[in-house]
């Protein structure tokens, strides 16, 4: 089934409720915002954004939920993958460029670097790799309560820069019923 089908769009709209509106306009501009905020998405060959919903904003925040389609090449073949992405923005935020990703095989071996470690939270440090050029800046916003919350979602990627945060689970598209939980 094509992810941008009218049926899927209606299903997502129904579970998100009337507070979320569908946006088909200006996808190219919004894709650039995603690429600036996310080093991972910058490396993806995203060729389509579908089902981009903007939600209610509180205190100047904007919330967008969408599906991004991109190609992955294995050398012999090319796969098209859909992934659900959330983007939260606020003009008052000033995050340094950072990423929080689940540790992979190479990261556990230390081949790709250890990232920032949080000695008071060894479980978080064992599960996630934090990268940020401004380590002191990262430690200011990665407070203990936030680290504990991340431990509940071991496959979540969070990246940000300036006034935007991007959240997603690599190569995972959500069923419409899961959109409200992802939003929360």
N, C-alpha and C. Protein backbone atom coordinates (compact mmCIF):
# COMPACT_ATOMS: atom_id res chain seq x y z
N UNK A 1 0.84 -1.18 0.00
CA UNK A 1 0.00 0.00 0.00
C UNK A 1 0.89 1.24 0.00
N UNK A 2 0.57 2.21 -0.84
CA UNK A 2 1.31 3.45 -0.88
C UNK A 2 1.02 4.26 0.38
N UNK A 3 2.06 4.75 1.05
CA UNK A 3 1.92 5.42 2.33
C UNK A 3 1.17 6.75 2.24
N UNK A 4 1.14 7.37 1.09
CA UNK A 4 0.45 8.65 0.99
C UNK A 4 -0.98 8.48 0.50
N UNK A 5 -1.48 7.25 0.57
CA UNK A 5 -2.84 7.00 0.09
C UNK A 5 -3.86 7.77 0.92
N UNK A 6 -4.97 8.08 0.27
CA UNK A 6 -6.04 8.85 0.93
C UNK A 6 -6.60 8.10 2.13
N UNK A 7 -6.65 6.78 2.06
CA UNK A 7 -7.19 5.98 3.17
C UNK A 7 -6.30 6.12 4.39
N UNK A 8 -5.00 5.97 4.20
CA UNK A 8 -4.06 6.09 5.33
C UNK A 8 -4.11 7.50 5.91
N UNK A 9 -4.17 8.51 5.07
CA UNK A 9 -4.25 9.88 5.54
C UNK A 9 -5.48 10.08 6.41
N UNK A 10 -6.62 9.57 5.97
CA UNK A 10 -7.86 9.70 6.76
C UNK A 10 -7.75 8.96 8.09
N UNK A 11 -7.11 7.78 8.08
CA UNK A 11 -6.94 7.02 9.33
C UNK A 11 -6.08 7.79 10.33
N UNK A 12 -5.00 8.39 9.85
CA UNK A 12 -4.12 9.16 10.73
C UNK A 12 -4.87 10.38 11.27
N UNK A 13 -5.58 11.09 10.40
CA UNK A 13 -6.35 12.27 10.82
C UNK A 13 -7.37 11.90 11.88
N UNK A 14 -8.01 10.75 11.73
CA UNK A 14 -9.04 10.33 12.68
C UNK A 14 -8.45 10.09 14.07
N UNK A 15 -7.27 9.47 14.16
CA UNK A 15 -6.70 9.19 15.48
C UNK A 15 -6.03 10.42 16.09
N UNK A 16 -5.51 11.34 15.25
CA UNK A 16 -4.89 12.55 15.80
C UNK A 16 -5.93 13.56 16.26
N UNK A 17 -7.08 13.56 15.62
CA UNK A 17 -8.15 14.46 16.02
C UNK A 17 -8.13 15.78 15.27
N UNK A 18 -9.10 16.62 15.54
CA UNK A 18 -9.26 17.86 14.79
C UNK A 18 -8.19 18.91 15.06
N UNK A 19 -7.40 18.74 16.11
CA UNK A 19 -6.35 19.71 16.42
C UNK A 19 -5.19 19.67 15.45
N UNK A 20 -5.07 18.59 14.68
CA UNK A 20 -3.98 18.44 13.71
C UNK A 20 -4.51 18.70 12.31
N UNK A 21 -3.76 19.48 11.54
CA UNK A 21 -4.16 19.76 10.16
C UNK A 21 -3.12 19.22 9.20
N UNK A 22 -3.59 18.71 8.07
CA UNK A 22 -2.74 18.14 7.04
C UNK A 22 -2.13 19.27 6.21
N UNK A 23 -0.81 19.16 5.94
CA UNK A 23 -0.11 20.15 5.13
C UNK A 23 0.58 19.44 3.97
N UNK A 24 0.20 19.79 2.77
CA UNK A 24 0.86 19.26 1.59
C UNK A 24 1.76 20.30 0.95
N UNK A 25 1.67 21.53 1.41
CA UNK A 25 2.41 22.62 0.79
C UNK A 25 3.82 22.76 1.37
N UNK A 26 4.71 23.33 0.59
CA UNK A 26 6.04 23.71 1.04
C UNK A 26 6.86 22.56 1.63
N UNK A 27 6.72 21.36 1.06
CA UNK A 27 7.45 20.19 1.57
C UNK A 27 8.95 20.36 1.42
N UNK A 28 9.39 21.01 0.34
CA UNK A 28 10.83 21.20 0.13
C UNK A 28 11.46 22.06 1.22
N UNK A 29 10.78 23.13 1.61
CA UNK A 29 11.29 23.99 2.68
C UNK A 29 11.36 23.21 4.00
N UNK A 30 10.32 22.45 4.29
CA UNK A 30 10.31 21.72 5.55
C UNK A 30 11.36 20.61 5.56
N UNK A 31 11.61 20.00 4.41
CA UNK A 31 12.66 18.98 4.31
C UNK A 31 14.03 19.60 4.63
N UNK A 32 14.26 20.83 4.23
CA UNK A 32 15.51 21.51 4.58
C UNK A 32 15.62 21.75 6.08
N UNK A 33 14.51 22.07 6.74
CA UNK A 33 14.51 22.23 8.20
C UNK A 33 14.91 20.91 8.85
N UNK A 34 14.36 19.81 8.38
CA UNK A 34 14.71 18.49 8.93
C UNK A 34 16.19 18.19 8.74
N UNK A 35 16.71 18.49 7.58
CA UNK A 35 18.13 18.21 7.31
C UNK A 35 19.05 19.07 8.16
N UNK A 36 18.66 20.31 8.45
CA UNK A 36 19.49 21.16 9.32
C UNK A 36 19.51 20.63 10.75
N UNK A 37 18.37 20.13 11.22
CA UNK A 37 18.26 19.70 12.61
C UNK A 37 18.77 18.28 12.84
N UNK A 38 18.82 17.45 11.81
CA UNK A 38 19.16 16.04 11.99
C UNK A 38 20.31 15.62 11.09
N UNK A 39 21.42 15.21 11.71
CA UNK A 39 22.55 14.71 10.93
C UNK A 39 22.20 13.40 10.24
N UNK A 40 21.37 12.58 10.86
CA UNK A 40 20.97 11.31 10.26
C UNK A 40 20.14 11.54 9.01
N UNK A 41 19.13 12.41 9.10
CA UNK A 41 18.26 12.66 7.95
C UNK A 41 19.00 13.41 6.84
N UNK A 42 20.05 14.13 7.18
CA UNK A 42 20.85 14.83 6.19
C UNK A 42 21.53 13.82 5.25
N UNK A 43 21.88 12.65 5.79
CA UNK A 43 22.55 11.62 4.99
C UNK A 43 21.56 10.75 4.20
N UNK A 44 20.29 10.83 4.50
CA UNK A 44 19.28 10.03 3.81
C UNK A 44 18.90 10.70 2.48
N UNK A 45 18.56 9.88 1.53
CA UNK A 45 18.09 10.38 0.25
C UNK A 45 16.56 10.46 0.31
N UNK A 46 16.05 11.37 1.15
CA UNK A 46 14.60 11.50 1.31
C UNK A 46 14.05 12.13 0.04
N UNK A 47 13.12 11.40 -0.57
CA UNK A 47 12.56 11.90 -1.82
C UNK A 47 11.08 12.22 -1.70
N UNK A 48 10.48 11.87 -0.57
CA UNK A 48 9.05 12.16 -0.42
C UNK A 48 8.69 12.35 1.04
N UNK A 49 7.88 13.38 1.31
CA UNK A 49 7.26 13.58 2.61
C UNK A 49 5.77 13.39 2.40
N UNK A 50 5.15 12.58 3.24
CA UNK A 50 3.71 12.33 3.12
C UNK A 50 3.06 12.46 4.49
N UNK A 51 1.77 12.68 4.47
CA UNK A 51 0.98 12.73 5.71
C UNK A 51 1.63 13.62 6.76
N UNK A 52 1.96 14.84 6.34
CA UNK A 52 2.58 15.80 7.26
C UNK A 52 1.48 16.59 7.97
N UNK A 53 1.36 16.32 9.27
CA UNK A 53 0.33 16.95 10.08
C UNK A 53 0.97 17.91 11.06
N UNK A 54 0.37 19.09 11.19
CA UNK A 54 0.83 20.06 12.18
C UNK A 54 -0.18 20.09 13.31
N UNK A 55 0.34 20.02 14.52
CA UNK A 55 -0.53 19.96 15.69
C UNK A 55 -0.61 21.24 16.45
N UNK A 56 -1.42 21.21 17.49
CA UNK A 56 -1.59 22.40 18.31
C UNK A 56 -0.26 22.80 18.96
N UNK A 57 -0.06 24.10 19.07
CA UNK A 57 1.18 24.57 19.68
C UNK A 57 0.90 25.18 21.03
N UNK A 58 1.80 24.93 21.96
CA UNK A 58 1.74 25.50 23.29
C UNK A 58 3.00 26.32 23.50
N UNK A 59 2.87 27.50 24.05
CA UNK A 59 4.02 28.34 24.39
C UNK A 59 4.94 28.57 23.19
N UNK A 60 4.39 28.73 22.01
CA UNK A 60 5.20 29.00 20.84
C UNK A 60 5.79 27.78 20.17
N UNK A 61 5.51 26.59 20.70
CA UNK A 61 6.04 25.36 20.10
C UNK A 61 5.19 24.96 18.89
N UNK A 62 5.84 24.35 17.92
CA UNK A 62 5.11 23.76 16.80
C UNK A 62 5.39 22.26 16.82
N UNK A 63 4.40 21.46 16.46
CA UNK A 63 4.54 20.00 16.43
C UNK A 63 4.13 19.53 15.05
N UNK A 64 5.03 18.76 14.42
CA UNK A 64 4.72 18.18 13.12
C UNK A 64 5.00 16.69 13.19
N UNK A 65 4.05 15.92 12.66
CA UNK A 65 4.21 14.48 12.52
C UNK A 65 4.12 14.18 11.03
N UNK A 66 5.01 13.34 10.52
CA UNK A 66 5.02 13.06 9.09
C UNK A 66 5.65 11.71 8.80
N UNK A 67 5.55 11.32 7.55
CA UNK A 67 6.20 10.11 7.07
C UNK A 67 7.17 10.51 5.97
N UNK A 68 8.40 10.02 6.06
CA UNK A 68 9.42 10.34 5.06
C UNK A 68 9.79 9.06 4.33
N UNK A 69 9.90 9.16 3.03
CA UNK A 69 10.31 8.02 2.22
C UNK A 69 11.69 8.26 1.65
N UNK A 70 12.57 7.28 1.80
CA UNK A 70 13.93 7.42 1.29
C UNK A 70 14.45 6.09 0.75
N UNK A 71 15.50 6.17 -0.03
CA UNK A 71 16.11 5.00 -0.64
C UNK A 71 17.32 4.55 0.16
N UNK A 72 17.49 3.24 0.23
CA UNK A 72 18.68 2.65 0.84
C UNK A 72 19.24 1.65 -0.16
N UNK A 73 20.51 1.78 -0.46
CA UNK A 73 21.16 0.89 -1.41
C UNK A 73 22.03 -0.11 -0.67
N UNK A 74 21.93 -1.37 -1.06
CA UNK A 74 22.76 -2.42 -0.46
C UNK A 74 23.89 -2.81 -1.39
N UNK A 75 24.03 -2.11 -2.49
CA UNK A 75 25.05 -2.47 -3.47
C UNK A 75 24.45 -3.24 -4.63
N UNK A 76 23.67 -4.24 -4.30
CA UNK A 76 23.02 -5.05 -5.34
C UNK A 76 21.60 -4.60 -5.64
N UNK A 77 20.94 -4.04 -4.64
CA UNK A 77 19.56 -3.61 -4.85
C UNK A 77 19.29 -2.34 -4.05
N UNK A 78 18.16 -1.71 -4.38
CA UNK A 78 17.74 -0.48 -3.72
C UNK A 78 16.38 -0.72 -3.10
N UNK A 79 16.25 -0.35 -1.83
CA UNK A 79 14.98 -0.48 -1.12
C UNK A 79 14.43 0.91 -0.84
N UNK A 80 13.12 1.00 -0.84
CA UNK A 80 12.45 2.24 -0.48
C UNK A 80 11.86 2.04 0.90
N UNK A 81 12.20 2.90 1.85
CA UNK A 81 11.79 2.76 3.24
C UNK A 81 10.98 3.97 3.67
N UNK A 82 9.91 3.71 4.41
CA UNK A 82 9.11 4.78 5.01
C UNK A 82 9.41 4.84 6.49
N UNK A 83 9.45 6.03 7.03
CA UNK A 83 9.77 6.24 8.44
C UNK A 83 8.91 7.37 8.98
N UNK A 84 8.38 7.19 10.20
CA UNK A 84 7.59 8.23 10.85
C UNK A 84 8.53 9.15 11.61
N UNK A 85 8.32 10.45 11.46
CA UNK A 85 9.18 11.46 12.09
C UNK A 85 8.32 12.48 12.82
N UNK A 86 8.79 12.90 13.98
CA UNK A 86 8.17 14.01 14.70
C UNK A 86 9.19 15.15 14.74
N UNK A 87 8.71 16.36 14.53
CA UNK A 87 9.58 17.53 14.60
C UNK A 87 8.90 18.56 15.50
N UNK A 88 9.62 18.98 16.53
CA UNK A 88 9.10 19.98 17.46
C UNK A 88 10.00 21.20 17.35
N UNK A 89 9.40 22.36 17.23
CA UNK A 89 10.17 23.58 17.09
C UNK A 89 9.71 24.67 18.04
N UNK A 90 10.64 25.55 18.40
CA UNK A 90 10.33 26.70 19.24
C UNK A 90 11.39 27.75 18.97
N UNK A 91 10.97 28.96 18.68
CA UNK A 91 11.91 30.04 18.37
C UNK A 91 12.77 30.41 19.57
N UNK A 92 12.33 30.09 20.78
CA UNK A 92 13.09 30.43 21.99
C UNK A 92 14.21 29.44 22.28
N UNK A 93 14.16 28.25 21.67
CA UNK A 93 15.16 27.23 21.94
C UNK A 93 16.46 27.57 21.22
N UNK A 94 17.57 27.18 21.84
CA UNK A 94 18.89 27.38 21.23
C UNK A 94 19.76 26.15 21.50
N UNK A 95 19.37 25.02 20.95
CA UNK A 95 20.14 23.80 21.13
C UNK A 95 21.40 23.82 20.29
N UNK A 96 22.51 23.30 20.85
CA UNK A 96 23.67 23.07 19.99
C UNK A 96 23.34 21.87 19.09
N UNK A 97 24.08 21.68 18.00
CA UNK A 97 23.88 20.50 17.15
C UNK A 97 24.20 19.27 17.99
N UNK A 98 23.21 18.38 18.17
CA UNK A 98 23.43 17.19 18.99
C UNK A 98 22.66 16.00 18.42
N UNK A 99 23.04 14.80 18.85
CA UNK A 99 22.30 13.60 18.50
C UNK A 99 22.35 12.61 19.66
N UNK A 100 21.24 11.94 19.87
CA UNK A 100 21.13 10.87 20.86
C UNK A 100 20.60 9.66 20.08
N UNK A 101 21.44 8.63 19.98
CA UNK A 101 21.08 7.46 19.18
C UNK A 101 21.34 6.19 19.97
N UNK A 102 20.56 5.15 19.69
CA UNK A 102 20.85 3.86 20.32
C UNK A 102 22.24 3.39 19.91
N UNK A 103 22.96 2.81 20.84
CA UNK A 103 24.30 2.31 20.53
C UNK A 103 24.19 1.09 19.62
N UNK A 104 24.96 1.10 18.56
CA UNK A 104 25.02 -0.02 17.64
C UNK A 104 26.24 -0.88 17.93
N UNK A 105 26.45 -1.85 17.10
CA UNK A 105 27.56 -2.79 17.27
C UNK A 105 28.90 -2.06 17.32
N UNK A 106 29.17 -1.19 16.33
CA UNK A 106 30.46 -0.51 16.26
C UNK A 106 30.64 0.47 17.41
N UNK A 107 29.56 1.08 17.82
CA UNK A 107 29.63 2.03 18.93
C UNK A 107 29.96 1.30 20.23
N UNK A 108 29.40 0.12 20.41
CA UNK A 108 29.71 -0.65 21.63
C UNK A 108 31.17 -1.07 21.69
N UNK A 109 31.75 -1.30 20.51
CA UNK A 109 33.17 -1.65 20.46
C UNK A 109 34.07 -0.42 20.59
N UNK A 110 33.49 0.76 20.47
CA UNK A 110 34.26 1.98 20.59
C UNK A 110 34.92 2.42 19.29
N UNK A 111 34.61 1.72 18.19
CA UNK A 111 35.22 2.05 16.90
C UNK A 111 34.75 3.43 16.42
N UNK A 112 33.48 3.73 16.63
CA UNK A 112 32.95 5.01 16.15
C UNK A 112 32.93 6.07 17.26
N UNK A 113 33.71 5.88 18.29
CA UNK A 113 33.77 6.83 19.40
C UNK A 113 32.78 6.49 20.48
N UNK A 114 33.05 6.96 21.68
CA UNK A 114 32.19 6.63 22.82
C UNK A 114 31.07 7.63 23.04
N UNK A 115 31.23 8.84 22.57
CA UNK A 115 30.23 9.86 22.82
C UNK A 115 30.35 10.39 24.23
N UNK A 116 29.38 11.21 24.62
CA UNK A 116 29.37 11.79 25.96
C UNK A 116 28.80 10.76 26.93
N UNK A 117 29.51 10.53 28.02
CA UNK A 117 29.07 9.56 29.03
C UNK A 117 28.48 10.29 30.23
N UNK A 118 27.48 9.68 30.84
CA UNK A 118 26.84 10.22 32.04
C UNK A 118 27.05 9.20 33.15
N UNK A 119 28.06 9.44 33.96
CA UNK A 119 28.44 8.47 35.01
C UNK A 119 27.31 8.20 36.00
N UNK A 120 26.49 9.19 36.29
CA UNK A 120 25.38 9.01 37.23
C UNK A 120 24.25 8.18 36.60
N UNK A 121 24.31 7.96 35.28
CA UNK A 121 23.29 7.18 34.58
C UNK A 121 23.95 6.15 33.67
N UNK A 122 24.56 5.13 34.26
CA UNK A 122 25.28 4.15 33.46
C UNK A 122 24.38 3.37 32.49
N UNK A 123 23.13 3.16 32.88
CA UNK A 123 22.21 2.42 32.00
C UNK A 123 21.94 3.23 30.72
N UNK A 124 21.70 4.53 30.88
CA UNK A 124 21.51 5.41 29.72
C UNK A 124 22.77 5.40 28.85
N UNK A 125 23.94 5.56 29.47
CA UNK A 125 25.20 5.62 28.72
C UNK A 125 25.49 4.31 27.99
N UNK A 126 25.04 3.18 28.55
CA UNK A 126 25.23 1.89 27.89
C UNK A 126 24.30 1.73 26.70
N UNK A 127 23.12 2.34 26.75
CA UNK A 127 22.13 2.18 25.68
C UNK A 127 22.24 3.23 24.58
N UNK A 128 22.67 4.44 24.93
CA UNK A 128 22.65 5.54 23.97
C UNK A 128 24.02 6.17 23.78
N UNK A 129 24.23 6.66 22.57
CA UNK A 129 25.43 7.42 22.26
C UNK A 129 25.01 8.87 22.05
N UNK A 130 25.60 9.77 22.82
CA UNK A 130 25.30 11.20 22.73
C UNK A 130 26.49 11.89 22.09
N UNK A 131 26.21 12.64 21.03
CA UNK A 131 27.25 13.42 20.37
C UNK A 131 26.83 14.88 20.38
N UNK A 132 27.78 15.73 20.72
CA UNK A 132 27.54 17.16 20.71
C UNK A 132 28.89 17.85 20.78
N UNK A 133 29.11 18.82 19.90
CA UNK A 133 30.38 19.55 19.91
C UNK A 133 30.53 20.35 21.19
N UNK A 134 29.42 20.76 21.78
CA UNK A 134 29.42 21.54 23.01
C UNK A 134 28.97 20.63 24.16
N UNK A 135 29.91 19.88 24.74
CA UNK A 135 29.56 18.93 25.79
C UNK A 135 28.90 19.61 26.98
N UNK A 136 29.39 20.76 27.39
CA UNK A 136 28.79 21.48 28.52
C UNK A 136 27.35 21.88 28.18
N UNK A 137 27.12 22.31 26.95
CA UNK A 137 25.76 22.66 26.52
C UNK A 137 24.84 21.45 26.54
N UNK A 138 25.34 20.30 26.11
CA UNK A 138 24.53 19.07 26.13
C UNK A 138 24.20 18.67 27.56
N UNK A 139 25.13 18.80 28.46
CA UNK A 139 24.88 18.43 29.85
C UNK A 139 23.88 19.38 30.53
N UNK A 140 23.78 20.62 30.03
CA UNK A 140 22.81 21.56 30.60
C UNK A 140 21.37 21.14 30.30
N UNK A 141 21.10 20.63 29.10
CA UNK A 141 19.72 20.27 28.79
C UNK A 141 19.43 18.78 28.97
N UNK A 142 20.44 17.94 29.04
CA UNK A 142 20.22 16.51 29.30
C UNK A 142 20.27 16.26 30.81
N UNK A 143 19.22 16.68 31.46
CA UNK A 143 19.10 16.57 32.91
C UNK A 143 18.71 15.14 33.29
N UNK A 144 18.94 14.72 34.55
CA UNK A 144 18.66 13.34 34.96
C UNK A 144 17.25 12.86 34.62
N UNK A 145 16.25 13.69 34.82
CA UNK A 145 14.87 13.24 34.53
C UNK A 145 14.69 12.92 33.05
N UNK A 146 15.30 13.70 32.18
CA UNK A 146 15.21 13.47 30.75
C UNK A 146 15.94 12.18 30.35
N UNK A 147 17.10 11.94 30.95
CA UNK A 147 17.83 10.70 30.67
C UNK A 147 17.02 9.48 31.08
N UNK A 148 16.34 9.57 32.21
CA UNK A 148 15.49 8.46 32.66
C UNK A 148 14.33 8.22 31.69
N UNK A 149 13.77 9.28 31.13
CA UNK A 149 12.69 9.13 30.15
C UNK A 149 13.19 8.43 28.89
N UNK A 150 14.38 8.78 28.43
CA UNK A 150 14.94 8.15 27.24
C UNK A 150 15.11 6.65 27.43
N UNK A 151 15.43 6.22 28.64
CA UNK A 151 15.63 4.80 28.90
C UNK A 151 14.37 3.99 28.62
N UNK A 152 13.21 4.62 28.66
CA UNK A 152 11.95 3.93 28.38
C UNK A 152 11.77 3.64 26.89
N UNK A 153 12.52 4.32 26.02
CA UNK A 153 12.38 4.18 24.57
C UNK A 153 13.74 3.85 23.96
N UNK A 154 14.20 2.61 24.08
CA UNK A 154 15.57 2.26 23.71
C UNK A 154 15.91 2.38 22.22
N UNK A 155 14.90 2.49 21.33
CA UNK A 155 15.22 2.59 19.91
C UNK A 155 14.95 3.98 19.34
N UNK A 156 14.73 4.97 20.19
CA UNK A 156 14.41 6.32 19.75
C UNK A 156 15.67 7.11 19.43
N UNK A 157 15.62 7.86 18.33
CA UNK A 157 16.69 8.78 17.96
C UNK A 157 16.16 10.19 18.16
N UNK A 158 16.94 11.03 18.84
CA UNK A 158 16.58 12.44 19.03
C UNK A 158 17.76 13.27 18.57
N UNK A 159 17.49 14.19 17.67
CA UNK A 159 18.53 15.08 17.17
C UNK A 159 17.99 16.49 17.15
N UNK A 160 18.88 17.44 17.26
CA UNK A 160 18.42 18.81 17.25
C UNK A 160 19.50 19.80 16.93
N UNK A 161 19.03 21.01 16.63
CA UNK A 161 19.92 22.12 16.37
C UNK A 161 19.09 23.39 16.40
N UNK A 162 19.57 24.40 17.09
CA UNK A 162 18.85 25.67 17.14
C UNK A 162 17.50 25.50 17.79
N UNK A 163 16.44 25.79 17.06
CA UNK A 163 15.10 25.76 17.61
C UNK A 163 14.28 24.54 17.24
N UNK A 164 14.92 23.45 16.76
CA UNK A 164 14.16 22.27 16.35
C UNK A 164 14.72 20.99 16.95
N UNK A 165 13.81 20.10 17.30
CA UNK A 165 14.13 18.73 17.72
C UNK A 165 13.46 17.79 16.73
N UNK A 166 14.16 16.73 16.34
CA UNK A 166 13.63 15.72 15.45
C UNK A 166 13.70 14.38 16.17
N UNK A 167 12.57 13.66 16.19
CA UNK A 167 12.50 12.36 16.87
C UNK A 167 11.99 11.31 15.89
N UNK A 168 12.62 10.13 15.91
CA UNK A 168 12.16 9.03 15.06
C UNK A 168 12.77 7.72 15.54
N UNK A 169 12.20 6.65 15.05
CA UNK A 169 12.76 5.31 15.24
C UNK A 169 13.26 4.87 13.87
N UNK A 170 14.54 4.56 13.75
CA UNK A 170 15.10 4.26 12.43
C UNK A 170 14.32 3.17 11.70
N UNK A 171 14.01 3.47 10.45
CA UNK A 171 13.36 2.53 9.54
C UNK A 171 12.03 1.99 10.06
N UNK A 172 11.33 2.79 10.84
CA UNK A 172 10.07 2.31 11.40
C UNK A 172 8.94 3.27 11.05
N UNK A 173 7.92 2.73 10.41
CA UNK A 173 6.73 3.51 10.14
C UNK A 173 5.66 3.05 11.11
N UNK A 174 4.96 3.99 11.67
CA UNK A 174 3.95 3.66 12.67
C UNK A 174 2.60 3.40 12.01
N UNK A 175 1.85 2.53 12.62
CA UNK A 175 0.47 2.34 12.22
C UNK A 175 -0.31 3.57 12.70
N UNK A 176 -1.38 3.93 12.01
CA UNK A 176 -2.13 5.14 12.41
C UNK A 176 -2.51 5.17 13.88
N UNK A 177 -2.89 4.04 14.46
CA UNK A 177 -3.30 4.02 15.87
C UNK A 177 -2.18 4.42 16.82
N UNK A 178 -0.91 4.30 16.39
CA UNK A 178 0.23 4.63 17.26
C UNK A 178 0.63 6.10 17.18
N UNK A 179 0.08 6.87 16.26
CA UNK A 179 0.47 8.27 16.12
C UNK A 179 0.23 9.09 17.39
N UNK A 180 -0.91 8.96 18.08
CA UNK A 180 -1.09 9.77 19.30
C UNK A 180 -0.06 9.47 20.37
N UNK A 181 0.33 8.22 20.55
CA UNK A 181 1.35 7.89 21.56
C UNK A 181 2.69 8.47 21.16
N UNK A 182 3.03 8.41 19.88
CA UNK A 182 4.28 8.98 19.39
C UNK A 182 4.27 10.49 19.62
N UNK A 183 3.14 11.11 19.40
CA UNK A 183 3.00 12.55 19.63
C UNK A 183 3.25 12.89 21.09
N UNK A 184 2.73 12.09 22.00
CA UNK A 184 2.91 12.34 23.43
C UNK A 184 4.36 12.20 23.83
